[in-house]
Amino acid sequence: MKLRHFLPLLFLASSASAQLRQEVKGKSLKIFRGDTLVTEYRTDHHLPYLYPLVGPAGTNLTRNFPMNKDHADEQQDHPHHRSFWFTHGSVNGHDFWHSPDHKSSITHQSFENLKDGGFTANLIWAHDGTTLLNEKRSYLLEMVDDNAMSVKVTSVFTAAEDVTFGDTKEGSFALRVTPTLRNDGKVAKGHLANSEGQKDGDVWGKRAQWISCYGPDSTGKATVISMMDHPSNLRHPTYWHARTYGLLAANPFGVKDFTKKGSGDYLLKKGQTFTQRYCVLIQSGEFKEDSVRKAYSTFAEK
């Protein structure tokens, strides 16, 4: 069904996107709305990530730690949780999620397709100098209106050798939210809900088309962050490594970790490719399930 009446909420015209502009300096790229920094693509870690992620209300919605340690209300745990990122904990047995030996890294090579609110990063996944994967990761940010912003991410992976994405919960397309949006912990006032009707702690390890985290931002303004798994993705609807302490992560590989049976290993033969598509929708206001369902339907049709 075509949801034409809903288009203004998520995929409106280029006039909204035109509010965004970008600045590139070396391997860093910043996106602004007017004079406000919306996000920065950063490469100062063993993998690229976006930080901050500023919603329509003008407030950062991801955790500041470990990039900025001057926030007393934030738990300083899981230093590998860097705001908004994409990686996996077992690639040919190598841990790109934690990278404890600092030998597994996703390295930025170049930008292409630069436009206001959008860009593509060419990346190499390598362990100890050996390239395993080449990735083209495209980001498109759209200010739909004054109360909604979407971030669409498309990653195309090409295997440089036979590569197995291993079965582990430690992955993959991930976001760590600001403390007030957590469901438990200091200053936590948030909740979780998914497309299957599960709530809060019950969403962990479950399959769903989308998951929403909602509650007050750090200034007390009602906010909804919804992560969406595209129907074309591997093992859609995906499993969710979603924690009440503020982690949201779509993970199609962690089958055994989540279900205690089967295997989520996925072999990508040398030269083969596969594509993953996701959308993060940020809305100012209270959580409305019907609104998220309609937004998901629009995303799924593209």
Protein backbone atom coordinates (compact mmCIF):
# COMPACT_ATOMS: atom_id res chain seq x y z
CA MET A 1 0.00 0.00 0.00
CA LYS A 2 1.34 3.46 -0.89
CA LEU A 3 1.38 5.67 2.17
CA ARG A 4 1.36 8.96 0.32
CA HIS A 5 -0.19 10.84 3.20
CA PHE A 6 2.83 9.96 5.33
CA LEU A 7 5.57 11.16 3.01
CA PRO A 8 6.06 14.48 4.83
CA LEU A 9 7.24 12.59 7.95
CA LEU A 10 10.13 10.67 6.47
CA PHE A 11 11.02 11.13 2.82
CA LEU A 12 9.99 14.62 1.91
CA ALA A 13 11.44 16.81 -0.68
CA SER A 14 14.92 18.04 -1.26
CA SER A 15 14.04 21.38 0.34
CA ALA A 16 14.37 19.75 3.77
CA SER A 17 17.71 18.14 2.91
CA ALA A 18 18.95 21.46 1.63
CA GLN A 19 18.99 22.69 5.22
CA LEU A 20 22.06 20.50 5.75
CA ARG A 21 25.57 21.32 4.65
CA GLN A 22 28.86 19.51 5.10
CA GLU A 23 32.50 20.33 5.63
CA VAL A 24 35.30 17.89 4.80
CA LYS A 25 38.75 18.09 6.34
CA GLY A 26 41.06 15.17 5.62
CA LYS A 27 39.35 11.99 6.85
CA SER A 28 36.77 13.89 8.89
CA LEU A 29 33.39 15.07 7.63
CA LYS A 30 30.99 17.32 9.53
CA ILE A 31 27.33 17.88 8.74
CA PHE A 32 25.64 21.07 9.93
CA ARG A 33 22.11 22.38 10.09
CA GLY A 34 22.68 26.11 9.89
CA ASP A 35 25.41 26.69 12.46
CA THR A 36 24.52 23.60 14.52
CA LEU A 37 26.73 20.53 14.20
CA VAL A 38 24.41 17.58 13.52
CA THR A 39 27.10 14.90 13.37
CA GLU A 40 30.74 14.26 12.56
CA TYR A 41 32.10 11.22 10.73
CA ARG A 42 35.22 10.41 12.76
CA THR A 43 38.19 8.15 12.05
CA ASP A 44 40.23 8.53 15.26
CA HIS A 45 39.49 4.97 16.45
CA HIS A 46 40.04 1.46 15.07
CA LEU A 47 36.81 1.99 13.12
CA PRO A 48 34.82 4.99 11.84
CA TYR A 49 31.79 6.27 13.75
CA LEU A 50 29.43 9.22 13.94
CA TYR A 51 29.55 11.50 16.99
CA PRO A 52 27.59 13.43 18.11
CA LEU A 53 24.12 12.71 16.71
CA VAL A 54 22.05 15.82 17.29
CA GLY A 55 18.30 15.48 16.85
CA PRO A 56 15.74 18.02 15.60
CA ALA A 57 15.48 19.55 19.08
CA GLY A 58 19.19 20.44 19.01
CA THR A 59 20.37 17.94 21.62
CA ASN A 60 22.95 15.17 21.26
CA LEU A 61 21.15 11.82 21.58
CA THR A 62 24.14 9.47 21.84
CA ARG A 63 26.37 8.81 24.81
CA ASN A 64 29.39 11.13 25.03
CA PHE A 65 31.77 8.61 26.65
CA PRO A 66 34.50 7.74 25.73
CA MET A 67 34.93 10.65 23.32
CA ASN A 68 34.07 13.14 26.06
CA LYS A 69 34.48 12.01 29.68
CA ASP A 70 33.15 15.15 31.38
CA HIS A 71 29.56 13.96 31.83
CA ALA A 72 28.93 12.80 35.40
CA ASP A 73 25.60 11.10 34.64
CA GLU A 74 27.08 8.70 32.09
CA GLN A 75 28.26 5.20 32.94
CA GLN A 76 31.79 4.79 31.70
CA ASP A 77 31.40 1.19 30.58
CA HIS A 78 31.97 -0.51 27.21
CA PRO A 79 34.47 2.03 25.81
CA HIS A 80 34.13 0.31 22.42
CA HIS A 81 30.54 1.61 22.19
CA ARG A 82 31.27 4.73 20.16
CA SER A 83 28.05 6.69 19.63
CA PHE A 84 26.85 5.39 16.23
CA TRP A 85 28.89 2.72 14.44
CA PHE A 86 28.86 -0.46 12.31
CA THR A 87 31.15 -3.45 12.83
CA HIS A 88 31.12 -7.09 13.95
CA GLY A 89 32.70 -9.22 16.66
CA SER A 90 33.80 -12.18 14.54
CA VAL A 91 35.11 -11.83 10.98
CA ASN A 92 37.19 -14.88 10.11
CA GLY A 93 37.48 -15.24 13.86
CA HIS A 94 38.84 -11.73 14.38
CA ASP A 95 37.10 -9.34 16.79
CA PHE A 96 36.35 -6.02 15.11
CA TRP A 97 33.79 -5.11 17.84
CA HIS A 98 36.26 -4.82 20.70
CA SER A 99 39.53 -5.14 18.74
CA PRO A 100 41.37 -6.08 21.97
CA ASP A 101 44.68 -6.68 20.20
CA HIS A 102 44.34 -3.50 18.09
CA LYS A 103 45.09 -5.58 14.99
CA SER A 104 41.53 -5.64 13.62
CA SER A 105 40.51 -2.33 12.09
CA ILE A 106 38.15 -0.69 9.61
CA THR A 107 40.22 1.93 7.83
CA HIS A 108 38.89 4.90 5.92
CA GLN A 109 40.30 5.22 2.40
CA SER A 110 38.36 8.00 0.67
CA PHE A 111 35.08 9.87 0.27
CA GLU A 112 32.84 9.95 -2.78
CA ASN A 113 29.31 11.05 -3.72
CA LEU A 114 29.54 14.12 -1.50
CA LYS A 115 26.32 16.13 -1.28
CA ASP A 116 24.51 18.08 1.40
CA GLY A 117 23.56 15.55 4.03
CA GLY A 118 25.05 12.57 2.21
CA PHE A 119 28.35 10.88 1.47
CA THR A 120 29.98 7.52 0.78
CA ALA A 121 33.04 6.28 2.65
CA ASN A 122 35.31 3.67 1.08
CA LEU A 123 36.55 1.37 3.83
CA ILE A 124 38.88 -1.61 4.29
CA TRP A 125 38.34 -4.27 6.95
CA ALA A 126 41.76 -5.72 7.73
CA HIS A 127 43.40 -7.87 10.39
CA ASP A 128 47.12 -7.55 11.02
CA GLY A 129 47.59 -5.95 7.62
CA THR A 130 45.56 -8.49 5.63
CA THR A 131 42.48 -7.13 3.88
CA LEU A 132 39.35 -9.22 4.46
CA LEU A 133 36.60 -6.94 3.15
CA ASN A 134 36.12 -3.82 1.11
CA GLU A 135 33.08 -1.77 2.06
CA LYS A 136 31.25 1.15 0.49
CA ARG A 137 29.21 2.74 3.28
CA SER A 138 26.77 5.46 2.30
CA TYR A 139 25.08 7.83 4.73
CA LEU A 140 22.13 10.07 3.90
CA LEU A 141 20.80 12.49 6.52
CA GLU A 142 17.52 14.24 5.86
CA MET A 143 15.85 16.96 7.89
CA VAL A 144 12.31 16.12 6.93
CA ASP A 145 10.78 18.91 8.97
CA ASP A 146 11.49 20.70 12.22
CA ASN A 147 10.53 17.62 14.24
CA ALA A 148 11.98 14.67 12.33
CA MET A 149 15.34 13.59 10.95
CA SER A 150 16.30 10.35 9.24
CA VAL A 151 19.70 8.74 8.76
CA LYS A 152 19.77 6.07 6.07
CA VAL A 153 22.85 3.84 5.88
CA THR A 154 23.67 1.43 3.05
CA SER A 155 26.74 -0.81 3.25
CA VAL A 156 27.99 -2.89 0.33
CA PHE A 157 30.58 -5.48 1.35
CA THR A 158 32.93 -7.22 -1.09
CA ALA A 159 35.05 -10.12 0.13
CA ALA A 160 38.78 -9.84 -0.59
CA GLU A 161 39.09 -13.50 0.42
CA ASP A 162 36.61 -16.08 1.73
CA VAL A 163 35.09 -14.39 4.78
CA THR A 164 32.87 -15.80 7.50
CA PHE A 165 30.82 -13.46 9.64
CA GLY A 166 30.69 -15.53 12.82
CA ASP A 167 27.81 -16.21 15.17
CA THR A 168 28.18 -13.77 18.07
CA LYS A 169 25.94 -11.26 19.80
CA GLU A 170 28.74 -8.68 19.57
CA GLY A 171 27.52 -6.65 16.59
CA SER A 172 26.68 -5.02 14.35
CA PHE A 173 24.78 -1.84 13.21
CA ALA A 174 24.79 -0.05 16.55
CA LEU A 175 23.92 3.06 18.51
CA ARG A 176 24.51 3.89 22.19
CA VAL A 177 21.93 6.36 23.46
CA THR A 178 22.20 9.22 25.92
CA PRO A 179 21.64 8.15 29.59
CA THR A 180 18.14 9.61 30.02
CA LEU A 181 16.91 7.39 27.17
CA ARG A 182 18.15 4.26 28.91
CA ASN A 183 15.63 1.88 30.43
CA ASP A 184 17.71 1.30 33.56
CA GLY A 185 20.63 2.97 35.28
CA LYS A 186 21.37 6.38 36.72
CA VAL A 187 18.98 9.10 35.41
CA ALA A 188 17.31 6.51 33.12
CA LYS A 189 13.76 7.40 32.09
CA GLY A 190 13.47 5.66 28.73
CA HIS A 191 11.71 2.63 27.28
CA LEU A 192 12.14 0.14 24.44
CA ALA A 193 9.50 -1.25 22.10
CA ASN A 194 9.70 -3.33 18.93
CA SER A 195 7.50 -4.19 15.96
CA GLU A 196 6.40 -7.44 17.64
CA GLY A 197 4.94 -5.72 20.70
CA GLN A 198 7.74 -6.63 23.09
CA LYS A 199 8.87 -4.04 25.61
CA ASP A 200 11.98 -3.01 27.53
CA GLY A 201 14.17 -6.00 28.54
CA ASP A 202 12.05 -8.44 26.54
CA VAL A 203 13.32 -7.01 23.23
CA TRP A 204 16.83 -8.43 23.67
CA GLY A 205 17.71 -11.13 21.14
CA LYS A 206 14.30 -11.00 19.50
CA ARG A 207 13.64 -10.65 15.78
CA ALA A 208 11.81 -7.51 14.69
CA GLN A 209 11.45 -5.15 11.76
CA TRP A 210 12.23 -2.16 13.93
CA ILE A 211 12.99 -1.14 17.47
CA SER A 212 12.27 2.18 19.19
CA CYS A 213 13.90 3.81 22.18
CA TYR A 214 11.89 6.66 23.63
CA GLY A 215 11.82 9.02 26.56
CA PRO A 216 13.28 12.40 27.53
CA ASP A 217 16.51 13.71 26.07
CA SER A 218 19.08 15.31 28.37
CA THR A 219 17.04 18.52 28.50
CA GLY A 220 13.78 16.72 29.25
CA LYS A 221 12.25 16.94 25.76
CA ALA A 222 10.35 13.86 24.58
CA THR A 223 12.29 12.01 21.88
CA VAL A 224 11.92 8.80 19.86
CA ILE A 225 14.81 6.99 18.15
CA SER A 226 13.73 4.14 15.86
CA MET A 227 16.15 1.77 14.12
CA MET A 228 14.79 -0.06 11.07
CA ASP A 229 15.92 -3.21 9.27
CA HIS A 230 15.23 -3.24 5.52
CA PRO A 231 13.36 -6.30 4.13
CA SER A 232 16.20 -6.92 1.64
CA ASN A 233 18.71 -7.48 4.46
CA LEU A 234 20.23 -10.79 5.44
CA ARG A 235 17.89 -12.81 7.73
CA HIS A 236 15.25 -10.11 7.88
CA PRO A 237 13.67 -9.45 10.31
CA THR A 238 16.95 -9.14 12.12
CA TYR A 239 17.86 -10.12 15.66
CA TRP A 240 18.40 -7.20 18.04
CA HIS A 241 21.28 -6.92 20.48
CA ALA A 242 19.32 -4.28 22.38
CA ARG A 243 20.15 -3.65 26.01
CA THR A 244 18.26 -1.72 28.67
CA TYR A 245 21.50 0.12 29.48
CA GLY A 246 21.26 2.02 26.20
CA LEU A 247 22.62 -0.15 23.37
CA LEU A 248 20.61 -0.65 20.18
CA ALA A 249 22.17 -2.99 17.61
CA ALA A 250 20.80 -4.86 14.60
CA ASN A 251 22.67 -8.17 14.36
CA PRO A 252 21.73 -10.78 11.72
CA PHE A 253 24.63 -13.07 12.67
CA GLY A 254 24.08 -13.83 16.38
CA VAL A 255 21.58 -16.66 15.92
CA LYS A 256 22.99 -19.15 18.43
CA ASP A 257 23.84 -16.47 20.98
CA PHE A 258 20.26 -15.21 20.84
CA THR A 259 18.32 -18.47 20.43
CA LYS A 260 20.69 -21.11 21.88
CA LYS A 261 20.29 -23.18 18.71
CA GLY A 262 21.35 -23.21 15.08
CA SER A 263 24.19 -21.15 13.67
CA GLY A 264 24.35 -17.59 12.36
CA ASP A 265 27.65 -18.04 10.53
CA TYR A 266 27.52 -16.42 7.10
CA LEU A 267 30.11 -17.23 4.40
CA LEU A 268 30.90 -14.61 1.78
CA LYS A 269 33.10 -16.11 -0.92
CA LYS A 270 35.99 -14.16 -2.40
CA GLY A 271 34.70 -11.57 -4.88
CA GLN A 272 31.08 -11.89 -3.75
CA THR A 273 29.12 -8.96 -2.32
CA PHE A 274 26.19 -8.42 -0.03
CA THR A 275 24.33 -5.31 1.01
CA GLN A 276 22.76 -4.19 4.28
CA ARG A 277 20.37 -1.24 4.53
CA TYR A 278 19.18 0.49 7.69
CA CYS A 279 17.36 3.64 8.72
CA VAL A 280 17.45 5.57 11.99
CA LEU A 281 14.48 7.89 12.44
CA ILE A 282 14.65 10.56 15.14
CA GLN A 283 11.41 12.29 16.10
CA SER A 284 10.68 14.98 18.64
CA GLY A 285 7.61 14.15 20.70
CA GLU A 286 6.01 11.16 22.39
CA PHE A 287 6.27 7.60 21.09
CA LYS A 288 3.39 6.67 18.79
CA GLU A 289 3.55 3.10 17.55
CA ASP A 290 1.37 3.77 14.53
CA SER A 291 3.66 6.58 13.43
CA VAL A 292 6.72 4.31 13.56
CA ARG A 293 4.89 1.52 11.71
CA LYS A 294 3.95 3.90 8.90
CA ALA A 295 7.50 5.23 8.69
CA TYR A 296 8.82 1.68 8.51
CA SER A 297 6.40 0.81 5.70
CA THR A 298 7.64 3.79 3.70
CA PHE A 299 11.29 2.82 4.23
CA ALA A 300 10.59 -0.83 3.38
CA GLU A 301 9.02 0.07 0.03
CA LYS A 302 12.16 1.83 -1.24
